[in-house]
Amino acid sequence: MNESFMKDTRKWLDNLKLRAGWGVTGVIPGYPYSSMVRYTYSGGNYFRDGQWNKGLKAISNANPDLKWETTREFNVGVDWSVFNDRLGGSIDLYVKKTSDMLYDYAVPSPPNLYTSTLANVGKMTNKGIEVMVKAVPIRTKDLEWTTQVTLQHNKNELVSLSNDLYQTDNVLWLQGVGDPVSPHTRLR
């Protein structure tokens, strides 16, 4: 507030701050060794070299191309307060794009050892705005009453969950989403 072009606002404007950020984060696949064929005991036994041995069956297919899911996020915001901090707030805008999302795809068996393969195919976009307003309607020596209201709007879009090698029409993992999911979601 000490800038010369702001000298006329000093009587009523207490704070004005512009914020911006950009970053990239990653999420590693949840199970160790997900890029390799994994096995479990099948419960069946077989006799070999004079001993009974437990049988094995595949519980995943190999996918050496697995990598981390990647999220790129950009946000910009403004913080402000006026009238001796009696009224203030913030406005935040953000765009978050996730690529290489992991999903289990149905595949034929044979030639695959197992009926699904984990692959990095999905893309999702998350955009939103958040507005917060804070007011201090009463401020005395013995009492201060502060009120804060936050409004937000968020749009999540599953951009794609298929490519040339892996396709799906079913989105099984959406059953745990807390927000309503549109029955008109198109998968590309």
Protein backbone atom coordinates (compact mmCIF):
# COMPACT_ATOMS: atom_id res chain seq x y z
CA MET A 1 0.00 0.00 0.00
CA ASN A 2 3.06 2.27 0.02
CA GLU A 3 3.15 2.62 -3.77
CA SER A 4 2.59 6.17 -5.06
CA PHE A 5 -0.27 5.13 -7.34
CA MET A 6 -2.12 3.71 -4.29
CA LYS A 7 -1.83 6.82 -2.07
CA ASP A 8 -5.52 7.78 -2.45
CA THR A 9 -6.68 4.31 -1.32
CA ARG A 10 -4.83 4.25 2.02
CA LYS A 11 -7.83 5.56 3.94
CA TRP A 12 -10.12 2.66 3.03
CA LEU A 13 -8.04 -0.13 1.38
CA ASP A 14 -6.04 -2.21 3.88
CA ASN A 15 -4.84 -5.15 1.80
CA LEU A 16 -4.76 -6.10 -1.88
CA LYS A 17 -2.68 -9.09 -2.90
CA LEU A 18 -2.52 -11.05 -6.17
CA ARG A 19 -1.45 -14.69 -5.99
CA ALA A 20 -0.63 -17.22 -8.72
CA GLY A 21 0.74 -20.72 -8.70
CA TRP A 22 1.56 -23.59 -11.02
CA GLY A 23 2.76 -27.08 -10.25
CA VAL A 24 3.06 -30.68 -11.35
CA THR A 25 2.51 -33.64 -9.03
CA GLY A 26 2.45 -37.37 -9.54
CA VAL A 27 0.77 -40.40 -8.02
CA ILE A 28 2.48 -43.78 -8.16
CA PRO A 29 0.41 -46.93 -8.87
CA GLY A 30 -1.13 -48.30 -5.65
CA TYR A 31 0.29 -51.84 -5.73
CA PRO A 32 3.99 -52.64 -5.82
CA TYR A 33 5.14 -54.54 -8.90
CA SER A 34 2.00 -53.55 -10.87
CA SER A 35 4.03 -53.49 -14.09
CA MET A 36 4.81 -57.24 -13.74
CA VAL A 37 2.75 -60.41 -13.86
CA ARG A 38 1.69 -61.19 -10.30
CA TYR A 39 0.61 -64.64 -9.09
CA THR A 40 -1.30 -66.14 -6.19
CA TYR A 41 -1.80 -69.70 -5.01
CA SER A 42 -4.79 -71.17 -6.83
CA GLY A 43 -5.76 -73.70 -4.16
CA GLY A 44 -5.19 -76.61 -6.51
CA ASN A 45 -2.32 -79.01 -5.84
CA TYR A 46 -0.20 -80.96 -8.27
CA PHE A 47 2.27 -83.80 -7.81
CA ARG A 48 5.84 -83.30 -9.06
CA ASP A 49 9.10 -85.01 -8.21
CA GLY A 50 7.49 -87.01 -5.41
CA GLN A 51 5.95 -83.94 -3.69
CA TRP A 52 2.62 -82.19 -3.64
CA ASN A 53 2.95 -78.54 -4.68
CA LYS A 54 0.45 -75.71 -4.65
CA GLY A 55 -0.62 -74.37 -8.02
CA LEU A 56 -0.30 -70.73 -9.05
CA LYS A 57 -2.55 -68.53 -11.14
CA ALA A 58 -2.00 -65.05 -12.56
CA ILE A 59 -3.78 -62.14 -10.84
CA SER A 60 -2.45 -59.41 -13.17
CA ASN A 61 -0.90 -58.97 -16.59
CA ALA A 62 2.46 -57.38 -17.21
CA ASN A 63 2.49 -53.78 -18.43
CA PRO A 64 6.05 -52.43 -18.52
CA ASP A 65 4.72 -49.06 -19.78
CA LEU A 66 3.05 -48.17 -16.44
CA LYS A 67 4.01 -44.79 -15.03
CA TRP A 68 2.82 -42.26 -12.47
CA GLU A 69 -0.43 -40.38 -12.93
CA THR A 70 0.45 -36.73 -13.58
CA THR A 71 -1.50 -33.66 -12.43
CA ARG A 72 -0.78 -30.14 -13.65
CA GLU A 73 -2.51 -27.32 -11.78
CA PHE A 74 -2.69 -23.57 -12.30
CA ASN A 75 -4.40 -21.18 -9.90
CA VAL A 76 -4.76 -17.44 -9.51
CA GLY A 77 -6.28 -15.53 -6.62
CA VAL A 78 -6.86 -12.13 -5.07
CA ASP A 79 -6.98 -11.33 -1.34
CA TRP A 80 -8.46 -8.02 -0.18
CA SER A 81 -9.62 -6.13 2.91
CA VAL A 82 -11.09 -2.68 3.42
CA PHE A 83 -12.28 -0.33 6.19
CA ASN A 84 -9.75 -1.32 8.85
CA ASP A 85 -10.18 -5.05 8.05
CA ARG A 86 -13.93 -4.90 8.76
CA LEU A 87 -14.68 -6.34 5.30
CA GLY A 88 -12.47 -8.61 3.23
CA GLY A 89 -12.19 -11.79 1.31
CA SER A 90 -10.60 -13.71 -1.49
CA ILE A 91 -11.35 -15.00 -4.99
CA ASP A 92 -9.59 -18.09 -6.34
CA LEU A 93 -9.74 -19.62 -9.83
CA TYR A 94 -8.12 -22.96 -10.63
CA VAL A 95 -7.67 -25.44 -13.47
CA LYS A 96 -6.33 -28.93 -12.77
CA LYS A 97 -5.60 -31.45 -15.53
CA THR A 98 -4.75 -35.06 -14.72
CA SER A 99 -3.31 -37.35 -17.38
CA ASP A 100 -2.09 -40.94 -17.49
CA MET A 101 -4.83 -41.97 -15.02
CA LEU A 102 -4.69 -45.64 -14.06
CA TYR A 103 -7.61 -47.94 -14.83
CA ASP A 104 -8.13 -51.71 -15.13
CA TYR A 105 -9.16 -52.63 -18.69
CA ALA A 106 -10.84 -55.88 -19.69
CA VAL A 107 -8.65 -57.88 -22.06
CA PRO A 108 -9.09 -61.30 -23.67
CA SER A 109 -7.61 -64.35 -21.96
CA PRO A 110 -5.83 -65.98 -23.80
CA PRO A 111 -3.59 -64.50 -25.17
CA ASN A 112 -3.29 -62.61 -21.84
CA LEU A 113 -2.75 -64.54 -18.61
CA TYR A 114 -5.42 -62.54 -16.74
CA THR A 115 -8.71 -60.91 -17.80
CA SER A 116 -7.72 -57.29 -17.06
CA THR A 117 -4.68 -55.07 -17.50
CA LEU A 118 -3.76 -51.91 -15.57
CA ALA A 119 -2.87 -49.06 -17.96
CA ASN A 120 -2.29 -45.28 -18.00
CA VAL A 121 -4.99 -44.00 -20.33
CA GLY A 122 -7.44 -41.66 -18.56
CA LYS A 123 -7.58 -37.88 -18.62
CA MET A 124 -9.60 -35.64 -16.30
CA THR A 125 -10.08 -31.88 -15.99
CA ASN A 126 -11.16 -30.06 -12.83
CA LYS A 127 -12.03 -26.32 -13.00
CA GLY A 128 -13.47 -24.08 -10.36
CA ILE A 129 -13.90 -20.80 -8.58
CA GLU A 130 -14.11 -20.06 -4.86
CA VAL A 131 -15.25 -16.74 -3.40
CA MET A 132 -14.92 -15.99 0.31
CA VAL A 133 -16.26 -12.85 2.01
CA LYS A 134 -15.54 -12.06 5.65
CA ALA A 135 -17.16 -9.27 7.65
CA VAL A 136 -16.84 -7.94 11.19
CA PRO A 137 -20.23 -6.28 11.81
CA ILE A 138 -19.55 -5.69 15.53
CA ARG A 139 -16.17 -4.79 17.02
CA THR A 140 -16.08 -3.36 20.53
CA LYS A 141 -13.70 -3.57 23.45
CA ASP A 142 -15.58 -6.60 24.86
CA LEU A 143 -17.06 -8.26 21.77
CA GLU A 144 -16.12 -9.02 18.19
CA TRP A 145 -18.54 -10.77 15.86
CA THR A 146 -17.06 -12.18 12.67
CA THR A 147 -19.07 -13.70 9.83
CA GLN A 148 -17.63 -15.56 6.86
CA VAL A 149 -19.40 -16.86 3.75
CA THR A 150 -17.81 -19.09 1.12
CA LEU A 151 -19.28 -19.83 -2.30
CA GLN A 152 -17.73 -22.28 -4.71
CA HIS A 153 -18.39 -23.90 -8.04
CA ASN A 154 -16.46 -26.90 -9.35
CA LYS A 155 -16.69 -28.80 -12.63
CA ASN A 156 -15.08 -32.23 -12.97
CA GLU A 157 -14.94 -33.73 -16.46
CA LEU A 158 -13.71 -37.18 -17.36
CA VAL A 159 -12.17 -36.24 -20.71
CA SER A 160 -11.23 -39.74 -21.84
CA LEU A 161 -10.83 -43.26 -20.53
CA SER A 162 -9.97 -45.01 -23.79
CA ASN A 163 -7.27 -44.96 -26.46
CA ASP A 164 -6.37 -47.08 -29.51
CA LEU A 165 -5.27 -50.04 -27.37
CA TYR A 166 -7.61 -49.90 -24.35
CA GLN A 167 -11.34 -49.07 -24.42
CA THR A 168 -14.13 -49.18 -21.88
CA ASP A 169 -17.79 -48.27 -21.66
CA ASN A 170 -18.09 -48.91 -17.91
CA VAL A 171 -16.75 -46.57 -15.25
CA LEU A 172 -16.75 -48.71 -12.13
CA TRP A 173 -14.67 -46.44 -9.89
CA LEU A 174 -17.26 -43.61 -10.00
CA GLN A 175 -19.43 -45.46 -7.51
CA GLY A 176 -17.48 -43.86 -4.64
CA VAL A 177 -17.72 -40.26 -5.88
CA GLY A 178 -19.53 -37.99 -3.43
CA ASP A 179 -20.82 -35.52 -6.02
CA PRO A 180 -23.61 -36.40 -8.44
CA VAL A 181 -22.39 -38.03 -11.64
CA SER A 182 -24.24 -37.15 -14.80
CA PRO A 183 -25.81 -40.11 -16.62
CA HIS A 184 -24.90 -38.26 -19.83
CA THR A 185 -21.13 -38.59 -19.32
CA ARG A 186 -19.49 -39.45 -22.60
CA LEU A 187 -16.35 -41.54 -22.62
CA ARG A 188 -13.85 -41.01 -25.41
